[in-house]
mmCIF file of all heavy atoms, coordinates in Angstrom:
data_MODEL
# 
_entry.id   MODEL 
# 
loop_
_atom_site.group_PDB 
_atom_site.id 
_atom_site.type_symbol 
_atom_site.label_atom_id 
_atom_site.label_alt_id 
_atom_site.label_comp_id 
_atom_site.label_asym_id 
_atom_site.label_entity_id 
_atom_site.label_seq_id 
_atom_site.pdbx_PDB_ins_code 
_atom_site.Cartn_x 
_atom_site.Cartn_y 
_atom_site.Cartn_z 
_atom_site.occupancy 
_atom_site.B_iso_or_equiv 
_atom_site.pdbx_formal_charge 
_atom_site.auth_seq_id 
_atom_site.auth_comp_id 
_atom_site.auth_asym_id 
_atom_site.auth_atom_id 
_atom_site.pdbx_PDB_model_num 
ATOM 1   N N   . ARG A 1 1  ? 20.801  1.705  -8.775  1.00 0.00 ? 1  ARG A N   1 
ATOM 2   C CA  . ARG A 1 1  ? 19.909  2.822  -8.439  1.00 0.00 ? 1  ARG A CA  1 
ATOM 3   C C   . ARG A 1 1  ? 18.491  2.558  -8.946  1.00 0.00 ? 1  ARG A C   1 
ATOM 4   O O   . ARG A 1 1  ? 17.518  2.841  -8.260  1.00 0.00 ? 1  ARG A O   1 
ATOM 5   C CB  . ARG A 1 1  ? 20.451  4.134  -9.033  1.00 0.00 ? 1  ARG A CB  1 
ATOM 6   C CG  . ARG A 1 1  ? 21.635  4.701  -8.282  1.00 0.00 ? 1  ARG A CG  1 
ATOM 7   C CD  . ARG A 1 1  ? 21.941  6.113  -8.730  1.00 0.00 ? 1  ARG A CD  1 
ATOM 8   N NE  . ARG A 1 1  ? 22.488  6.175  -10.078 1.00 0.00 ? 1  ARG A NE  1 
ATOM 9   C CZ  . ARG A 1 1  ? 23.764  6.055  -10.398 1.00 0.00 ? 1  ARG A CZ  1 
ATOM 10  N NH1 . ARG A 1 1  ? 24.655  5.845  -9.458  1.00 0.00 ? 1  ARG A NH1 1 
ATOM 11  N NH2 . ARG A 1 1  ? 24.156  6.138  -11.647 1.00 0.00 ? 1  ARG A NH2 1 
ATOM 12  N N   . VAL A 1 2  ? 18.395  2.007  -10.148 1.00 0.00 ? 2  VAL A N   1 
ATOM 13  C CA  . VAL A 1 2  ? 17.079  1.693  -10.712 1.00 0.00 ? 2  VAL A CA  1 
ATOM 14  C C   . VAL A 1 2  ? 16.378  0.655  -9.850  1.00 0.00 ? 2  VAL A C   1 
ATOM 15  O O   . VAL A 1 2  ? 15.188  0.782  -9.548  1.00 0.00 ? 2  VAL A O   1 
ATOM 16  C CB  . VAL A 1 2  ? 17.212  1.201  -12.176 1.00 0.00 ? 2  VAL A CB  1 
ATOM 17  C CG1 . VAL A 1 2  ? 15.920  0.586  -12.674 1.00 0.00 ? 2  VAL A CG1 1 
ATOM 18  C CG2 . VAL A 1 2  ? 17.636  2.344  -13.080 1.00 0.00 ? 2  VAL A CG2 1 
ATOM 19  N N   . ASN A 1 3  ? 17.111  -0.377 -9.420  1.00 0.00 ? 3  ASN A N   1 
ATOM 20  C CA  . ASN A 1 3  ? 16.515  -1.426 -8.583  1.00 0.00 ? 3  ASN A CA  1 
ATOM 21  C C   . ASN A 1 3  ? 16.022  -0.842 -7.265  1.00 0.00 ? 3  ASN A C   1 
ATOM 22  O O   . ASN A 1 3  ? 14.936  -1.198 -6.793  1.00 0.00 ? 3  ASN A O   1 
ATOM 23  C CB  . ASN A 1 3  ? 17.520  -2.550 -8.327  1.00 0.00 ? 3  ASN A CB  1 
ATOM 24  C CG  . ASN A 1 3  ? 17.758  -3.391 -9.565  1.00 0.00 ? 3  ASN A CG  1 
ATOM 25  O OD1 . ASN A 1 3  ? 16.971  -3.384 -10.496 1.00 0.00 ? 3  ASN A OD1 1 
ATOM 26  N ND2 . ASN A 1 3  ? 18.864  -4.111 -9.583  1.00 0.00 ? 3  ASN A ND2 1 
ATOM 27  N N   . LYS A 1 4  ? 16.810  0.044  -6.651  1.00 0.00 ? 4  LYS A N   1 
ATOM 28  C CA  . LYS A 1 4  ? 16.395  0.660  -5.390  1.00 0.00 ? 4  LYS A CA  1 
ATOM 29  C C   . LYS A 1 4  ? 15.133  1.488  -5.589  1.00 0.00 ? 4  LYS A C   1 
ATOM 30  O O   . LYS A 1 4  ? 14.217  1.460  -4.766  1.00 0.00 ? 4  LYS A O   1 
ATOM 31  C CB  . LYS A 1 4  ? 17.509  1.543  -4.829  1.00 0.00 ? 4  LYS A CB  1 
ATOM 32  C CG  . LYS A 1 4  ? 18.637  0.782  -4.191  1.00 0.00 ? 4  LYS A CG  1 
ATOM 33  C CD  . LYS A 1 4  ? 19.672  1.721  -3.619  1.00 0.00 ? 4  LYS A CD  1 
ATOM 34  C CE  . LYS A 1 4  ? 20.836  0.964  -3.034  1.00 0.00 ? 4  LYS A CE  1 
ATOM 35  N NZ  . LYS A 1 4  ? 21.877  1.878  -2.543  1.00 0.00 ? 4  LYS A NZ  1 
ATOM 36  N N   . THR A 1 5  ? 15.069  2.222  -6.698  1.00 0.00 ? 5  THR A N   1 
ATOM 37  C CA  . THR A 1 5  ? 13.898  3.043  -6.987  1.00 0.00 ? 5  THR A CA  1 
ATOM 38  C C   . THR A 1 5  ? 12.675  2.168  -7.183  1.00 0.00 ? 5  THR A C   1 
ATOM 39  O O   . THR A 1 5  ? 11.588  2.482  -6.668  1.00 0.00 ? 5  THR A O   1 
ATOM 40  C CB  . THR A 1 5  ? 14.148  3.899  -8.248  1.00 0.00 ? 5  THR A CB  1 
ATOM 41  O OG1 . THR A 1 5  ? 15.297  4.717  -8.027  1.00 0.00 ? 5  THR A OG1 1 
ATOM 42  C CG2 . THR A 1 5  ? 12.969  4.783  -8.557  1.00 0.00 ? 5  THR A CG2 1 
ATOM 43  N N   . LYS A 1 6  ? 12.838  1.064  -7.903  1.00 0.00 ? 6  LYS A N   1 
ATOM 44  C CA  . LYS A 1 6  ? 11.709  0.154  -8.120  1.00 0.00 ? 6  LYS A CA  1 
ATOM 45  C C   . LYS A 1 6  ? 11.249  -0.454 -6.807  1.00 0.00 ? 6  LYS A C   1 
ATOM 46  O O   . LYS A 1 6  ? 10.051  -0.598 -6.570  1.00 0.00 ? 6  LYS A O   1 
ATOM 47  C CB  . LYS A 1 6  ? 12.106  -0.956 -9.093  1.00 0.00 ? 6  LYS A CB  1 
ATOM 48  C CG  . LYS A 1 6  ? 12.174  -0.505 -10.529 1.00 0.00 ? 6  LYS A CG  1 
ATOM 49  C CD  . LYS A 1 6  ? 12.533  -1.656 -11.449 1.00 0.00 ? 6  LYS A CD  1 
ATOM 50  C CE  . LYS A 1 6  ? 12.615  -1.213 -12.889 1.00 0.00 ? 6  LYS A CE  1 
ATOM 51  N NZ  . LYS A 1 6  ? 13.005  -2.312 -13.775 1.00 0.00 ? 6  LYS A NZ  1 
ATOM 52  N N   . GLN A 1 7  ? 12.200  -0.798 -5.933  1.00 0.00 ? 7  GLN A N   1 
ATOM 53  C CA  . GLN A 1 7  ? 11.834  -1.380 -4.639  1.00 0.00 ? 7  GLN A CA  1 
ATOM 54  C C   . GLN A 1 7  ? 11.074  -0.363 -3.796  1.00 0.00 ? 7  GLN A C   1 
ATOM 55  O O   . GLN A 1 7  ? 10.085  -0.697 -3.133  1.00 0.00 ? 7  GLN A O   1 
ATOM 56  C CB  . GLN A 1 7  ? 13.076  -1.855 -3.893  1.00 0.00 ? 7  GLN A CB  1 
ATOM 57  C CG  . GLN A 1 7  ? 13.689  -3.107 -4.468  1.00 0.00 ? 7  GLN A CG  1 
ATOM 58  C CD  . GLN A 1 7  ? 14.986  -3.485 -3.770  1.00 0.00 ? 7  GLN A CD  1 
ATOM 59  O OE1 . GLN A 1 7  ? 15.517  -2.732 -2.966  1.00 0.00 ? 7  GLN A OE1 1 
ATOM 60  N NE2 . GLN A 1 7  ? 15.509  -4.654 -4.096  1.00 0.00 ? 7  GLN A NE2 1 
ATOM 61  N N   . ARG A 1 8  ? 11.531  0.883  -3.804  1.00 0.00 ? 8  ARG A N   1 
ATOM 62  C CA  . ARG A 1 8  ? 10.835  1.921  -3.042  1.00 0.00 ? 8  ARG A CA  1 
ATOM 63  C C   . ARG A 1 8  ? 9.421   2.121  -3.568  1.00 0.00 ? 8  ARG A C   1 
ATOM 64  O O   . ARG A 1 8  ? 8.472   2.247  -2.796  1.00 0.00 ? 8  ARG A O   1 
ATOM 65  C CB  . ARG A 1 8  ? 11.610  3.238  -3.116  1.00 0.00 ? 8  ARG A CB  1 
ATOM 66  C CG  . ARG A 1 8  ? 12.863  3.248  -2.286  1.00 0.00 ? 8  ARG A CG  1 
ATOM 67  C CD  . ARG A 1 8  ? 13.512  4.620  -2.294  1.00 0.00 ? 8  ARG A CD  1 
ATOM 68  N NE  . ARG A 1 8  ? 14.824  4.534  -1.709  1.00 0.00 ? 8  ARG A NE  1 
ATOM 69  C CZ  . ARG A 1 8  ? 15.941  4.948  -2.287  1.00 0.00 ? 8  ARG A CZ  1 
ATOM 70  N NH1 . ARG A 1 8  ? 15.909  5.490  -3.484  1.00 0.00 ? 8  ARG A NH1 1 
ATOM 71  N NH2 . ARG A 1 8  ? 17.094  4.827  -1.690  1.00 0.00 ? 8  ARG A NH2 1 
ATOM 72  N N   . LYS A 1 9  ? 9.299   2.177  -4.896  1.00 0.00 ? 9  LYS A N   1 
ATOM 73  C CA  . LYS A 1 9  ? 7.981   2.380  -5.497  1.00 0.00 ? 9  LYS A CA  1 
ATOM 74  C C   . LYS A 1 9  ? 7.063   1.205  -5.160  1.00 0.00 ? 9  LYS A C   1 
ATOM 75  O O   . LYS A 1 9  ? 5.900   1.401  -4.817  1.00 0.00 ? 9  LYS A O   1 
ATOM 76  C CB  . LYS A 1 9  ? 8.119   2.524  -7.012  1.00 0.00 ? 9  LYS A CB  1 
ATOM 77  C CG  . LYS A 1 9  ? 6.829   2.951  -7.698  1.00 0.00 ? 9  LYS A CG  1 
ATOM 78  C CD  . LYS A 1 9  ? 7.005   3.110  -9.190  1.00 0.00 ? 9  LYS A CD  1 
ATOM 79  C CE  . LYS A 1 9  ? 7.768   4.360  -9.485  1.00 0.00 ? 9  LYS A CE  1 
ATOM 80  N NZ  . LYS A 1 9  ? 7.840   4.639  -10.930 1.00 0.00 ? 9  LYS A NZ  1 
ATOM 81  N N   . ALA A 1 10 ? 7.589   -0.011 -5.233  1.00 0.00 ? 10 ALA A N   1 
ATOM 82  C CA  . ALA A 1 10 ? 6.787   -1.199 -4.899  1.00 0.00 ? 10 ALA A CA  1 
ATOM 83  C C   . ALA A 1 10 ? 6.374   -1.161 -3.430  1.00 0.00 ? 10 ALA A C   1 
ATOM 84  O O   . ALA A 1 10 ? 5.238   -1.512 -3.083  1.00 0.00 ? 10 ALA A O   1 
ATOM 85  C CB  . ALA A 1 10 ? 7.567   -2.465 -5.204  1.00 0.00 ? 10 ALA A CB  1 
ATOM 86  N N   . GLY A 1 11 ? 7.261   -0.718 -2.562  1.00 0.00 ? 11 GLY A N   1 
ATOM 87  C CA  . GLY A 1 11 ? 6.946   -0.603 -1.148  1.00 0.00 ? 11 GLY A CA  1 
ATOM 88  C C   . GLY A 1 11 ? 5.840   0.413  -0.899  1.00 0.00 ? 11 GLY A C   1 
ATOM 89  O O   . GLY A 1 11 ? 4.930   0.184  -0.098  1.00 0.00 ? 11 GLY A O   1 
ATOM 90  N N   . LYS A 1 12 ? 5.913   1.538  -1.611  1.00 0.00 ? 12 LYS A N   1 
ATOM 91  C CA  . LYS A 1 12 ? 4.879   2.569  -1.454  1.00 0.00 ? 12 LYS A CA  1 
ATOM 92  C C   . LYS A 1 12 ? 3.537   2.051  -1.956  1.00 0.00 ? 12 LYS A C   1 
ATOM 93  O O   . LYS A 1 12 ? 2.496   2.299  -1.336  1.00 0.00 ? 12 LYS A O   1 
ATOM 94  C CB  . LYS A 1 12 ? 5.281   3.831  -2.223  1.00 0.00 ? 12 LYS A CB  1 
ATOM 95  C CG  . LYS A 1 12 ? 6.407   4.600  -1.570  1.00 0.00 ? 12 LYS A CG  1 
ATOM 96  C CD  . LYS A 1 12 ? 6.788   5.819  -2.374  1.00 0.00 ? 12 LYS A CD  1 
ATOM 97  C CE  . LYS A 1 12 ? 7.963   6.545  -1.723  1.00 0.00 ? 12 LYS A CE  1 
ATOM 98  N NZ  . LYS A 1 12 ? 8.378   7.713  -2.514  1.00 0.00 ? 12 LYS A NZ  1 
ATOM 99  N N   . ILE A 1 13 ? 3.546   1.332  -3.060  1.00 0.00 ? 13 ILE A N   1 
ATOM 100 C CA  . ILE A 1 13 ? 2.302   0.773  -3.599  1.00 0.00 ? 13 ILE A CA  1 
ATOM 101 C C   . ILE A 1 13 ? 1.718   -0.242 -2.624  1.00 0.00 ? 13 ILE A C   1 
ATOM 102 O O   . ILE A 1 13 ? 0.507   -0.267 -2.379  1.00 0.00 ? 13 ILE A O   1 
ATOM 103 C CB  . ILE A 1 13 ? 2.548   0.153  -4.993  1.00 0.00 ? 13 ILE A CB  1 
ATOM 104 C CG1 . ILE A 1 13 ? 2.830   1.266  -6.003  1.00 0.00 ? 13 ILE A CG1 1 
ATOM 105 C CG2 . ILE A 1 13 ? 1.367   -0.689 -5.437  1.00 0.00 ? 13 ILE A CG2 1 
ATOM 106 C CD1 . ILE A 1 13 ? 3.309   0.776  -7.351  1.00 0.00 ? 13 ILE A CD1 1 
ATOM 107 N N   . ALA A 1 14 ? 2.587   -1.074 -2.053  1.00 0.00 ? 14 ALA A N   1 
ATOM 108 C CA  . ALA A 1 14 ? 2.121   -2.077 -1.090  1.00 0.00 ? 14 ALA A CA  1 
ATOM 109 C C   . ALA A 1 14 ? 1.515   -1.400 0.133   1.00 0.00 ? 14 ALA A C   1 
ATOM 110 O O   . ALA A 1 14 ? 0.460   -1.823 0.628   1.00 0.00 ? 14 ALA A O   1 
ATOM 111 C CB  . ALA A 1 14 ? 3.271   -2.990 -0.688  1.00 0.00 ? 14 ALA A CB  1 
ATOM 112 N N   . MET A 1 15 ? 2.156   -0.358 0.621   1.00 0.00 ? 15 MET A N   1 
ATOM 113 C CA  . MET A 1 15 ? 1.621   0.347  1.785   1.00 0.00 ? 15 MET A CA  1 
ATOM 114 C C   . MET A 1 15 ? 0.280   0.998  1.458   1.00 0.00 ? 15 MET A C   1 
ATOM 115 O O   . MET A 1 15 ? -0.644  0.979  2.278   1.00 0.00 ? 15 MET A O   1 
ATOM 116 C CB  . MET A 1 15 ? 2.614   1.408  2.281   1.00 0.00 ? 15 MET A CB  1 
ATOM 117 C CG  . MET A 1 15 ? 3.820   0.822  2.969   1.00 0.00 ? 15 MET A CG  1 
ATOM 118 S SD  . MET A 1 15 ? 3.388   -0.229 4.384   1.00 0.00 ? 15 MET A SD  1 
ATOM 119 C CE  . MET A 1 15 ? 2.634   0.934  5.475   1.00 0.00 ? 15 MET A CE  1 
ATOM 120 N N   . ALA A 1 16 ? 0.161   1.567  0.271   1.00 0.00 ? 16 ALA A N   1 
ATOM 121 C CA  . ALA A 1 16 ? -1.106  2.179  -0.131  1.00 0.00 ? 16 ALA A CA  1 
ATOM 122 C C   . ALA A 1 16 ? -2.202  1.119  -0.205  1.00 0.00 ? 16 ALA A C   1 
ATOM 123 O O   . ALA A 1 16 ? -3.345  1.367  0.205   1.00 0.00 ? 16 ALA A O   1 
ATOM 124 C CB  . ALA A 1 16 ? -0.951  2.883  -1.478  1.00 0.00 ? 16 ALA A CB  1 
ATOM 125 N N   . ALA A 1 17 ? -1.860  -0.059 -0.707  1.00 0.00 ? 17 ALA A N   1 
ATOM 126 C CA  . ALA A 1 17 ? -2.840  -1.146 -0.791  1.00 0.00 ? 17 ALA A CA  1 
ATOM 127 C C   . ALA A 1 17 ? -3.263  -1.597 0.610   1.00 0.00 ? 17 ALA A C   1 
ATOM 128 O O   . ALA A 1 17 ? -4.445  -1.863 0.849   1.00 0.00 ? 17 ALA A O   1 
ATOM 129 C CB  . ALA A 1 17 ? -2.257  -2.322 -1.575  1.00 0.00 ? 17 ALA A CB  1 
ATOM 130 N N   . ILE A 1 18 ? -2.322  -1.667 1.521   1.00 0.00 ? 18 ILE A N   1 
ATOM 131 C CA  . ILE A 1 18 ? -2.633  -2.066 2.900   1.00 0.00 ? 18 ILE A CA  1 
ATOM 132 C C   . ILE A 1 18 ? -3.555  -1.032 3.553   1.00 0.00 ? 18 ILE A C   1 
ATOM 133 O O   . ILE A 1 18 ? -4.546  -1.381 4.200   1.00 0.00 ? 18 ILE A O   1 
ATOM 134 C CB  . ILE A 1 18 ? -1.337  -2.252 3.720   1.00 0.00 ? 18 ILE A CB  1 
ATOM 135 C CG1 . ILE A 1 18 ? -0.590  -3.493 3.235   1.00 0.00 ? 18 ILE A CG1 1 
ATOM 136 C CG2 . ILE A 1 18 ? -1.628  -2.338 5.209   1.00 0.00 ? 18 ILE A CG2 1 
ATOM 137 C CD1 . ILE A 1 18 ? 0.813   -3.627 3.779   1.00 0.00 ? 18 ILE A CD1 1 
ATOM 138 N N   . VAL A 1 19 ? -3.239  0.243  3.356   1.00 0.00 ? 19 VAL A N   1 
ATOM 139 C CA  . VAL A 1 19 ? -4.063  1.310  3.935   1.00 0.00 ? 19 VAL A CA  1 
ATOM 140 C C   . VAL A 1 19 ? -5.462  1.277  3.323   1.00 0.00 ? 19 VAL A C   1 
ATOM 141 O O   . VAL A 1 19 ? -6.466  1.399  4.038   1.00 0.00 ? 19 VAL A O   1 
ATOM 142 C CB  . VAL A 1 19 ? -3.395  2.685  3.721   1.00 0.00 ? 19 VAL A CB  1 
ATOM 143 C CG1 . VAL A 1 19 ? -4.337  3.824  4.060   1.00 0.00 ? 19 VAL A CG1 1 
ATOM 144 C CG2 . VAL A 1 19 ? -2.134  2.775  4.570   1.00 0.00 ? 19 VAL A CG2 1 
ATOM 145 N N   . ALA A 1 20 ? -5.529  1.102  2.006   1.00 0.00 ? 20 ALA A N   1 
ATOM 146 C CA  . ALA A 1 20 ? -6.839  1.045  1.343   1.00 0.00 ? 20 ALA A CA  1 
ATOM 147 C C   . ALA A 1 20 ? -7.632  -0.161 1.836   1.00 0.00 ? 20 ALA A C   1 
ATOM 148 O O   . ALA A 1 20 ? -8.844  -0.065 2.090   1.00 0.00 ? 20 ALA A O   1 
ATOM 149 C CB  . ALA A 1 20 ? -6.665  0.987  -0.174  1.00 0.00 ? 20 ALA A CB  1 
ATOM 150 N N   . GLY A 1 21 ? -6.967  -1.281 1.989   1.00 0.00 ? 21 GLY A N   1 
ATOM 151 C CA  . GLY A 1 21 ? -7.638  -2.476 2.516   1.00 0.00 ? 21 GLY A CA  1 
ATOM 152 C C   . GLY A 1 21 ? -8.147  -2.254 3.918   1.00 0.00 ? 21 GLY A C   1 
ATOM 153 O O   . GLY A 1 21 ? -9.262  -2.665 4.273   1.00 0.00 ? 21 GLY A O   1 
ATOM 154 N N   . GLY A 1 22 ? -7.366  -1.589 4.722   1.00 0.00 ? 22 GLY A N   1 
ATOM 155 C CA  . GLY A 1 22 ? -7.788  -1.269 6.085   1.00 0.00 ? 22 GLY A CA  1 
ATOM 156 C C   . GLY A 1 22 ? -8.986  -0.338 6.103   1.00 0.00 ? 22 GLY A C   1 
ATOM 157 O O   . GLY A 1 22 ? -9.919  -0.514 6.894   1.00 0.00 ? 22 GLY A O   1 
ATOM 158 N N   . ALA A 1 23 ? -8.977  0.646  5.204   1.00 0.00 ? 23 ALA A N   1 
ATOM 159 C CA  . ALA A 1 23 ? -10.108 1.583  5.133   1.00 0.00 ? 23 ALA A CA  1 
ATOM 160 C C   . ALA A 1 23 ? -11.374 0.861  4.686   1.00 0.00 ? 23 ALA A C   1 
ATOM 161 O O   . ALA A 1 23 ? -12.464 1.112  5.220   1.00 0.00 ? 23 ALA A O   1 
ATOM 162 C CB  . ALA A 1 23 ? -9.779  2.722  4.176   1.00 0.00 ? 23 ALA A CB  1 
ATOM 163 N N   . ILE A 1 24 ? -11.227 -0.032 3.723   1.00 0.00 ? 24 ILE A N   1 
ATOM 164 C CA  . ILE A 1 24 ? -12.389 -0.800 3.257   1.00 0.00 ? 24 ILE A CA  1 
ATOM 165 C C   . ILE A 1 24 ? -12.921 -1.689 4.379   1.00 0.00 ? 24 ILE A C   1 
ATOM 166 O O   . ILE A 1 24 ? -14.126 -1.775 4.608   1.00 0.00 ? 24 ILE A O   1 
ATOM 167 C CB  . ILE A 1 24 ? -12.024 -1.625 2.005   1.00 0.00 ? 24 ILE A CB  1 
ATOM 168 C CG1 . ILE A 1 24 ? -11.798 -0.677 0.820   1.00 0.00 ? 24 ILE A CG1 1 
ATOM 169 C CG2 . ILE A 1 24 ? -13.094 -2.651 1.674   1.00 0.00 ? 24 ILE A CG2 1 
ATOM 170 C CD1 . ILE A 1 24 ? -11.211 -1.333 -0.400  1.00 0.00 ? 24 ILE A CD1 1 
ATOM 171 N N   . ALA A 1 25 ? -12.004 -2.342 5.091   1.00 0.00 ? 25 ALA A N   1 
ATOM 172 C CA  . ALA A 1 25 ? -12.422 -3.210 6.200   1.00 0.00 ? 25 ALA A CA  1 
ATOM 173 C C   . ALA A 1 25 ? -13.113 -2.394 7.285   1.00 0.00 ? 25 ALA A C   1 
ATOM 174 O O   . ALA A 1 25 ? -14.152 -2.815 7.831   1.00 0.00 ? 25 ALA A O   1 
ATOM 175 C CB  . ALA A 1 25 ? -11.220 -3.951 6.765   1.00 0.00 ? 25 ALA A CB  1 
ATOM 176 N N   . ALA A 1 26 ? -12.583 -1.220 7.609   1.00 0.00 ? 26 ALA A N   1 
ATOM 177 C CA  . ALA A 1 26 ? -13.194 -0.368 8.632   1.00 0.00 ? 26 ALA A CA  1 
ATOM 178 C C   . ALA A 1 26 ? -14.575 0.091  8.176   1.00 0.00 ? 26 ALA A C   1 
ATOM 179 O O   . ALA A 1 26 ? -15.531 0.111  8.966   1.00 0.00 ? 26 ALA A O   1 
ATOM 180 C CB  . ALA A 1 26 ? -12.300 0.832  8.920   1.00 0.00 ? 26 ALA A CB  1 
ATOM 181 N N   . GLY A 1 27 ? -14.690 0.427  6.901   1.00 0.00 ? 27 GLY A N   1 
ATOM 182 C CA  . GLY A 1 27 ? -15.987 0.839  6.369   1.00 0.00 ? 27 GLY A CA  1 
ATOM 183 C C   . GLY A 1 27 ? -16.991 -0.295 6.419   1.00 0.00 ? 27 GLY A C   1 
ATOM 184 O O   . GLY A 1 27 ? -18.170 -0.095 6.769   1.00 0.00 ? 27 GLY A O   1 
ATOM 185 N N   . ALA A 1 28 ? -16.550 -1.497 6.087   1.00 0.00 ? 28 ALA A N   1 
ATOM 186 C CA  . ALA A 1 28 ? -17.441 -2.656 6.134   1.00 0.00 ? 28 ALA A CA  1 
ATOM 187 C C   . ALA A 1 28 ? -17.904 -2.918 7.559   1.00 0.00 ? 28 ALA A C   1 
ATOM 188 O O   . ALA A 1 28 ? -19.083 -3.220 7.807   1.00 0.00 ? 28 ALA A O   1 
ATOM 189 C CB  . ALA A 1 28 ? -16.733 -3.879 5.559   1.00 0.00 ? 28 ALA A CB  1 
ATOM 190 N N   . LEU A 1 29 ? -16.962 -2.814 8.504   1.00 0.00 ? 29 LEU A N   1 
ATOM 191 C CA  . LEU A 1 29 ? -17.336 -3.015 9.912   1.00 0.00 ? 29 LEU A CA  1 
ATOM 192 C C   . LEU A 1 29 ? -18.317 -1.946 10.377  1.00 0.00 ? 29 LEU A C   1 
ATOM 193 O O   . LEU A 1 29 ? -19.267 -2.230 11.123  1.00 0.00 ? 29 LEU A O   1 
ATOM 194 C CB  . LEU A 1 29 ? -16.092 -3.020 10.797  1.00 0.00 ? 29 LEU A CB  1 
ATOM 195 C CG  . LEU A 1 29 ? -15.175 -4.237 10.657  1.00 0.00 ? 29 LEU A CG  1 
ATOM 196 C CD1 . LEU A 1 29 ? -13.905 -4.041 11.468  1.00 0.00 ? 29 LEU A CD1 1 
ATOM 197 C CD2 . LEU A 1 29 ? -15.912 -5.493 11.104  1.00 0.00 ? 29 LEU A CD2 1 
ATOM 198 N N   . ALA A 1 30 ? -18.122 -0.711 9.932   1.00 0.00 ? 30 ALA A N   1 
ATOM 199 C CA  . ALA A 1 30 ? -19.027 0.372  10.323  1.00 0.00 ? 30 ALA A CA  1 
ATOM 200 C C   . ALA A 1 30 ? -20.420 0.134  9.749   1.00 0.00 ? 30 ALA A C   1 
ATOM 201 O O   . ALA A 1 30 ? -21.430 0.340  10.443  1.00 0.00 ? 30 ALA A O   1 
ATOM 202 C CB  . ALA A 1 30 ? -18.477 1.711  9.850   1.00 0.00 ? 30 ALA A CB  1 
# 
């Protein structure tokens, strides 16, 4: 259960980083 929770949390962090990177890239392009 702990491993699954850590994997979910890591996945959420990765998705947040991807979204933030996309927002930064869009801002730079703008």
